[in-house]
Every structure is written in C-alpha cells, then in structure tokens.
PDB file of N, CA and C in Angstrom:
ATOM      1  N   MET A   1       3.654  10.100   3.396  1.00  0.00           N
ATOM      2  CA  MET A   1       3.513   8.666   3.349  1.00  0.00           C
ATOM      3  C   MET A   1       4.678   8.053   4.130  1.00  0.00           C
ATOM      4  N   ASP A   2       4.399   7.119   5.046  1.00  0.00           N
ATOM      5  CA  ASP A   2       5.460   6.512   5.839  1.00  0.00           C
ATOM      6  C   ASP A   2       5.817   5.116   5.352  1.00  0.00           C
ATOM      7  N   PHE A   3       5.623   4.865   4.065  1.00  0.00           N
ATOM      8  CA  PHE A   3       5.984   3.601   3.440  1.00  0.00           C
ATOM      9  C   PHE A   3       6.178   3.852   1.959  1.00  0.00           C
ATOM     10  N   GLU A   4       6.833   2.895   1.284  1.00  0.00           N
ATOM     11  CA  GLU A   4       7.061   2.966  -0.159  1.00  0.00           C
ATOM     12  C   GLU A   4       6.278   1.845  -0.821  1.00  0.00           C
ATOM     13  N   LEU A   5       5.453   2.171  -1.776  1.00  0.00           N
ATOM     14  CA  LEU A   5       4.675   1.181  -2.510  1.00  0.00           C
ATOM     15  C   LEU A   5       5.605   0.471  -3.482  1.00  0.00           C
ATOM     16  N   LEU A   6       5.741  -0.865  -3.350  1.00  0.00           N
ATOM     17  CA  LEU A   6       6.678  -1.623  -4.177  1.00  0.00           C
ATOM     18  C   LEU A   6       6.011  -2.399  -5.298  1.00  0.00           C
ATOM     19  N   GLY A   7       4.720  -2.692  -5.160  1.00  0.00           N
ATOM     20  CA  GLY A   7       4.065  -3.521  -6.159  1.00  0.00           C
ATOM     21  C   GLY A   7       2.769  -2.903  -6.626  1.00  0.00           C
ATOM     22  N   GLU A   8       2.173  -3.576  -7.588  1.00  0.00           N
ATOM     23  CA  GLU A   8       0.892  -3.142  -8.121  1.00  0.00           C
ATOM     24  C   GLU A   8      -0.195  -3.283  -7.065  1.00  0.00           C
ATOM     25  N   ILE A   9      -1.193  -2.443  -7.151  1.00  0.00           N
ATOM     26  CA  ILE A   9      -2.392  -2.634  -6.351  1.00  0.00           C
ATOM     27  C   ILE A   9      -3.226  -3.639  -7.120  1.00  0.00           C
ATOM     28  N   ARG A  10      -3.465  -4.791  -6.503  1.00  0.00           N
ATOM     29  CA  ARG A  10      -4.098  -5.900  -7.202  1.00  0.00           C
ATOM     30  C   ARG A  10      -5.552  -6.047  -6.817  1.00  0.00           C
ATOM     31  N   ASN A  11      -6.396  -6.245  -7.766  1.00  0.00           N
ATOM     32  CA  ASN A  11      -7.824  -6.518  -7.658  1.00  0.00           C
ATOM     33  C   ASN A  11      -8.532  -5.660  -6.598  1.00  0.00           C
ATOM     34  N   ILE A  12      -9.749  -6.011  -6.306  1.00  0.00           N
ATOM     35  CA  ILE A  12     -10.580  -5.170  -5.455  1.00  0.00           C
ATOM     36  C   ILE A  12     -10.111  -5.139  -4.000  1.00  0.00           C
ATOM     37  N   GLU A  13      -9.284  -6.102  -3.601  1.00  0.00           N
ATOM     38  CA  GLU A  13      -8.826  -6.142  -2.225  1.00  0.00           C
ATOM     39  C   GLU A  13      -7.730  -5.123  -1.938  1.00  0.00           C
ATOM     40  N   GLN A  14      -7.160  -4.509  -2.942  1.00  0.00           N
ATOM     41  CA  GLN A  14      -6.159  -3.462  -2.791  1.00  0.00           C
ATOM     42  C   GLN A  14      -4.942  -3.926  -1.988  1.00  0.00           C
ATOM     43  N   VAL A  15      -4.396  -5.078  -2.357  1.00  0.00           N
ATOM     44  CA  VAL A  15      -3.238  -5.634  -1.671  1.00  0.00           C
ATOM     45  C   VAL A  15      -1.996  -5.287  -2.478  1.00  0.00           C
ATOM     46  N   ALA A  16      -0.954  -4.844  -1.798  1.00  0.00           N
ATOM     47  CA  ALA A  16       0.293  -4.461  -2.470  1.00  0.00           C
ATOM     48  C   ALA A  16       1.466  -4.748  -1.546  1.00  0.00           C
ATOM     49  N   ARG A  17       2.640  -4.877  -2.121  1.00  0.00           N
ATOM     50  CA  ARG A  17       3.863  -4.990  -1.325  1.00  0.00           C
ATOM     51  C   ARG A  17       4.331  -3.584  -1.005  1.00  0.00           C
ATOM     52  N   VAL A  18       4.716  -3.392   0.252  1.00  0.00           N
ATOM     53  CA  VAL A  18       5.206  -2.082   0.685  1.00  0.00           C
ATOM     54  C   VAL A  18       6.495  -2.252   1.471  1.00  0.00           C
ATOM     55  N   ARG A  19       7.334  -1.213   1.463  1.00  0.00           N
ATOM     56  CA  ARG A  19       8.529  -1.179   2.302  1.00  0.00           C
ATOM     57  C   ARG A  19       8.247  -0.185   3.428  1.00  0.00           C
ATOM     58  N   LEU A  20       8.292  -0.673   4.665  1.00  0.00           N
ATOM     59  CA  LEU A  20       8.044   0.178   5.819  1.00  0.00           C
ATOM     60  C   LEU A  20       9.277   1.018   6.124  1.00  0.00           C
ATOM     61  N   VAL A  21       9.127   2.030   6.956  1.00  0.00           N
ATOM     62  CA  VAL A  21      10.255   2.921   7.246  1.00  0.00           C
ATOM     63  C   VAL A  21      11.422   2.198   7.910  1.00  0.00           C
ATOM     64  N   ASP A  22      11.156   1.067   8.585  1.00  0.00           N
ATOM     65  CA  ASP A  22      12.245   0.311   9.216  1.00  0.00           C
ATOM     66  C   ASP A  22      12.901  -0.677   8.245  1.00  0.00           C
ATOM     67  N   GLY A  23      12.475  -0.669   6.957  1.00  0.00           N
ATOM     68  CA  GLY A  23      13.091  -1.497   5.936  1.00  0.00           C
ATOM     69  C   GLY A  23      12.394  -2.818   5.669  1.00  0.00           C
ATOM     70  N   ARG A  24      11.468  -3.231   6.536  1.00  0.00           N
ATOM     71  CA  ARG A  24      10.754  -4.488   6.314  1.00  0.00           C
ATOM     72  C   ARG A  24       9.837  -4.358   5.101  1.00  0.00           C
ATOM     73  N   ILE A  25       9.699  -5.458   4.354  1.00  0.00           N
ATOM     74  CA  ILE A  25       8.794  -5.503   3.206  1.00  0.00           C
ATOM     75  C   ILE A  25       7.640  -6.423   3.579  1.00  0.00           C
ATOM     76  N   ARG A  26       6.421  -5.924   3.445  1.00  0.00           N
ATOM     77  CA  ARG A  26       5.232  -6.686   3.839  1.00  0.00           C
ATOM     78  C   ARG A  26       4.140  -6.523   2.792  1.00  0.00           C
ATOM     79  N   GLU A  27       3.193  -7.448   2.795  1.00  0.00           N
ATOM     80  CA  GLU A  27       1.968  -7.291   2.028  1.00  0.00           C
ATOM     81  C   GLU A  27       1.028  -6.454   2.882  1.00  0.00           C
ATOM     82  N   ALA A  28       0.279  -5.551   2.259  1.00  0.00           N
ATOM     83  CA  ALA A  28      -0.603  -4.671   3.016  1.00  0.00           C
ATOM     84  C   ALA A  28      -1.869  -4.372   2.227  1.00  0.00           C
ATOM     85  N   GLU A  29      -2.933  -4.137   2.977  1.00  0.00           N
ATOM     86  CA  GLU A  29      -4.164  -3.646   2.355  1.00  0.00           C
ATOM     87  C   GLU A  29      -4.042  -2.132   2.309  1.00  0.00           C
ATOM     88  N   ILE A  30      -4.144  -1.574   1.123  1.00  0.00           N
ATOM     89  CA  ILE A  30      -3.932  -0.149   0.896  1.00  0.00           C
ATOM     90  C   ILE A  30      -5.233   0.517   0.465  1.00  0.00           C
ATOM     91  N   HIS A  31      -5.514   1.661   1.028  1.00  0.00           N
ATOM     92  CA  HIS A  31      -6.585   2.511   0.520  1.00  0.00           C
ATOM     93  C   HIS A  31      -5.925   3.772  -0.006  1.00  0.00           C
ATOM     94  N   TRP A  32      -6.539   4.380  -1.004  1.00  0.00           N
ATOM     95  CA  TRP A  32      -5.942   5.584  -1.571  1.00  0.00           C
ATOM     96  C   TRP A  32      -6.975   6.684  -1.688  1.00  0.00           C
ATOM     97  N   TYR A  33      -6.450   7.878  -1.823  1.00  0.00           N
ATOM     98  CA  TYR A  33      -7.278   9.068  -1.991  1.00  0.00           C
ATOM     99  C   TYR A  33      -7.144   9.523  -3.442  1.00  0.00           C
ATOM    100  N   GLU A  34      -8.247   9.969  -4.020  1.00  0.00           N
ATOM    101  CA  GLU A  34      -8.220  10.456  -5.394  1.00  0.00           C
ATOM    102  C   GLU A  34      -8.798  11.857  -5.461  1.00  0.00           C
ATOM    103  N   ALA A  35      -8.244  12.638  -6.366  1.00  0.00           N
ATOM    104  CA  ALA A  35      -8.782  13.967  -6.649  1.00  0.00           C
ATOM    105  C   ALA A  35      -9.335  13.942  -8.068  1.00  0.00           C
ATOM    106  N   HIS A  36     -10.519  14.468  -8.240  1.00  0.00           N
ATOM    107  CA  HIS A  36     -11.158  14.469  -9.547  1.00  0.00           C
ATOM    108  C   HIS A  36     -10.244  15.135 -10.579  1.00  0.00           C
ATOM    109  N   GLY A  37      -9.998  14.427 -11.660  1.00  0.00           N
ATOM    110  CA  GLY A  37      -9.172  14.960 -12.725  1.00  0.00           C
ATOM    111  C   GLY A  37      -7.674  14.817 -12.490  1.00  0.00           C
ATOM    112  N   VAL A  38      -7.284  14.389 -11.278  1.00  0.00           N
ATOM    113  CA  VAL A  38      -5.866  14.253 -10.948  1.00  0.00           C
ATOM    114  C   VAL A  38      -5.482  12.787 -10.798  1.00  0.00           C
ATOM    115  N   GLY A  39      -6.356  11.998 -10.209  1.00  0.00           N
ATOM    116  CA  GLY A  39      -6.057  10.594  -9.952  1.00  0.00           C
ATOM    117  C   GLY A  39      -5.649  10.380  -8.506  1.00  0.00           C
ATOM    118  N   ARG A  40      -4.873   9.339  -8.265  1.00  0.00           N
ATOM    119  CA  ARG A  40      -4.454   9.007  -6.903  1.00  0.00           C
ATOM    120  C   ARG A  40      -3.543  10.083  -6.343  1.00  0.00           C
ATOM    121  N   THR A  41      -3.856  10.548  -5.150  1.00  0.00           N
ATOM    122  CA  THR A  41      -3.068  11.616  -4.541  1.00  0.00           C
ATOM    123  C   THR A  41      -2.402  11.197  -3.241  1.00  0.00           C
ATOM    124  N   GLY A  42      -2.810  10.089  -2.649  1.00  0.00           N
ATOM    125  CA  GLY A  42      -2.211   9.635  -1.403  1.00  0.00           C
ATOM    126  C   GLY A  42      -2.635   8.219  -1.087  1.00  0.00           C
ATOM    127  N   PHE A  43      -1.850   7.550  -0.254  1.00  0.00           N
ATOM    128  CA  PHE A  43      -2.120   6.174   0.124  1.00  0.00           C
ATOM    129  C   PHE A  43      -2.120   6.048   1.639  1.00  0.00           C
ATOM    130  N   LYS A  44      -2.824   5.027   2.151  1.00  0.00           N
ATOM    131  CA  LYS A  44      -2.885   4.774   3.582  1.00  0.00           C
ATOM    132  C   LYS A  44      -2.907   3.264   3.786  1.00  0.00           C
ATOM    133  N   ILE A  45      -2.078   2.763   4.712  1.00  0.00           N
ATOM    134  CA  ILE A  45      -2.104   1.342   5.060  1.00  0.00           C
ATOM    135  C   ILE A  45      -3.270   1.110   6.002  1.00  0.00           C
ATOM    136  N   ILE A  46      -4.148   0.182   5.622  1.00  0.00           N
ATOM    137  CA  ILE A  46      -5.277  -0.187   6.462  1.00  0.00           C
ATOM    138  C   ILE A  46      -4.928  -1.400   7.314  1.00  0.00           C
ATOM    139  N   ARG A  47      -4.219  -2.367   6.729  1.00  0.00           N
ATOM    140  CA  ARG A  47      -3.876  -3.596   7.456  1.00  0.00           C
ATOM    141  C   ARG A  47      -2.588  -4.164   6.904  1.00  0.00           C
ATOM    142  N   LEU A  48      -1.679  -4.577   7.795  1.00  0.00           N
ATOM    143  CA  LEU A  48      -0.471  -5.299   7.405  1.00  0.00           C
ATOM    144  C   LEU A  48      -0.731  -6.780   7.574  1.00  0.00           C
ATOM    145  N   PHE A  49      -0.295  -7.583   6.609  1.00  0.00           N
ATOM    146  CA  PHE A  49      -0.434  -9.020   6.691  1.00  0.00           C
ATOM    147  C   PHE A  49       0.805  -9.611   7.363  1.00  0.00           C
ATOM    148  N   PRO A  50       0.658 -10.731   8.053  1.00  0.00           N
ATOM    149  CA  PRO A  50       1.804 -11.355   8.724  1.00  0.00           C
ATOM    150  C   PRO A  50       2.908 -11.705   7.723  1.00  0.00           C
ATOM    151  N   GLU A  51       4.133 -11.668   8.202  1.00  0.00           N
ATOM    152  CA  GLU A  51       5.261 -12.047   7.360  1.00  0.00           C
ATOM    153  C   GLU A  51       5.194 -13.535   7.079  1.00  0.00           C
ATOM    154  N   THR A  52       5.499 -13.923   5.851  1.00  0.00           N
ATOM    155  CA  THR A  52       5.520 -15.326   5.498  1.00  0.00           C
ATOM    156  C   THR A  52       6.959 -15.778   5.324  1.00  0.00           C
ATOM    157  N   GLN A  53       7.226 -17.007   5.622  1.00  0.00           N
ATOM    158  CA  GLN A  53       8.589 -17.529   5.531  1.00  0.00           C
ATOM    159  C   GLN A  53       8.754 -18.371   4.298  1.00  0.00           C
TER     160      GLN A  53
END
C-alpha cells in the first residue's frame, strides 16, 4: 500500500482521508479487497479529491 488510511471508510461512496507517501493528506475514493473469512486484505485509491482550503 502506498498510502496510510487515516479515517473511516464512510457510506457507500467509500471516501476516506489518506496520507500519501509525500506526506500530503487528501480525501480519496477507496476500494478494498476482501478474502472470505478474513475480511479486508488490501486497499486501492481509485480517485483523489482536490485539496480544499
């Protein structure tokens, strides 16, 4: 994983705060992989949202 998940995955849109490898914190649309009986096993950023001021 090339980012750190900082917040909850919220509602069906799967939006969460992440810290990128360069230190920036952004909102992102996250998809995850699940293994039966194990749960979430990996995450992938699908879209980064623009930084807000």
